[in-house]
Amino acid sequence: MNNIKWSLLLYAILAASSIMGIGIAISEKSMFGTLGCILAVIVIMGMGFKTKKKMRENGEL
């Protein structure tokens, strides 16, 4: 891998941060925080996979 795909890196960092947020929300016993972070992980990972599919179809990967 010669070039860094910055958009995919950003999605990965955001997803990892959301997963960490789930742990923090659980430790704080925050139901809304936990659900919000779970929803954020689903949305961010979905957007990342969608972007990767488009890049693969366009020959950018």
Protein backbone atom coordinates (compact mmCIF):
# COMPACT_ATOMS: atom_id res chain seq x y z
CA MET A 1 0.00 0.00 0.00
CA ASN A 2 1.82 3.06 -1.25
CA ASN A 3 -0.82 5.73 -0.78
CA ILE A 4 -2.81 6.44 2.35
CA LYS A 5 -6.54 6.64 1.71
CA TRP A 6 -7.28 9.48 4.11
CA SER A 7 -11.07 9.14 3.95
CA LEU A 8 -10.90 5.46 4.90
CA LEU A 9 -8.43 6.25 7.68
CA LEU A 10 -10.81 8.89 9.03
CA TYR A 11 -13.72 6.41 9.03
CA ALA A 12 -11.56 3.87 10.88
CA ILE A 13 -10.53 6.40 13.52
CA LEU A 14 -14.11 7.57 14.01
CA ALA A 15 -15.40 4.00 14.31
CA ALA A 16 -12.69 3.12 16.84
CA SER A 17 -13.52 6.26 18.83
CA SER A 18 -17.19 5.31 18.85
CA ILE A 19 -16.33 1.82 20.08
CA MET A 20 -14.30 3.39 22.89
CA GLY A 21 -17.29 5.63 23.59
CA ILE A 22 -19.43 2.54 24.11
CA GLY A 23 -17.06 1.37 26.84
CA ILE A 24 -17.00 4.77 28.49
CA ALA A 25 -20.79 5.07 28.35
CA ILE A 26 -21.18 1.61 29.88
CA SER A 27 -18.78 2.50 32.70
CA GLU A 28 -20.74 5.70 33.33
CA LYS A 29 -24.00 3.66 33.23
CA SER A 30 -25.41 5.93 30.54
CA MET A 31 -28.03 4.12 28.47
CA PHE A 32 -28.42 7.01 26.00
CA GLY A 33 -24.67 7.31 25.54
CA THR A 34 -24.34 3.60 24.90
CA LEU A 35 -27.16 3.55 22.37
CA GLY A 36 -25.83 6.70 20.70
CA CYS A 37 -22.36 5.23 20.33
CA ILE A 38 -23.73 1.94 19.01
CA LEU A 39 -25.74 3.86 16.43
CA ALA A 40 -22.67 5.94 15.55
CA VAL A 41 -20.58 2.79 14.99
CA ILE A 42 -23.23 1.34 12.68
CA VAL A 43 -23.54 4.55 10.66
CA ILE A 44 -19.80 5.26 10.43
CA MET A 45 -18.87 1.71 9.47
CA GLY A 46 -21.67 1.62 6.92
CA MET A 47 -20.41 4.84 5.35
CA GLY A 48 -16.86 3.46 5.32
CA PHE A 49 -17.90 0.26 3.57
CA LYS A 50 -19.99 2.25 1.10
CA THR A 51 -17.04 4.53 0.32
CA LYS A 52 -14.70 1.56 -0.08
CA LYS A 53 -17.13 -0.11 -2.50
CA LYS A 54 -17.34 3.07 -4.61
CA MET A 55 -13.56 3.41 -4.63
CA ARG A 56 -13.16 -0.23 -5.67
CA GLU A 57 -15.71 0.20 -8.50
CA ASN A 58 -13.90 3.31 -9.73
CA GLY A 59 -10.54 1.54 -9.67
CA GLU A 60 -9.09 3.75 -6.95
CA LEU A 61 -8.16 0.81 -4.71
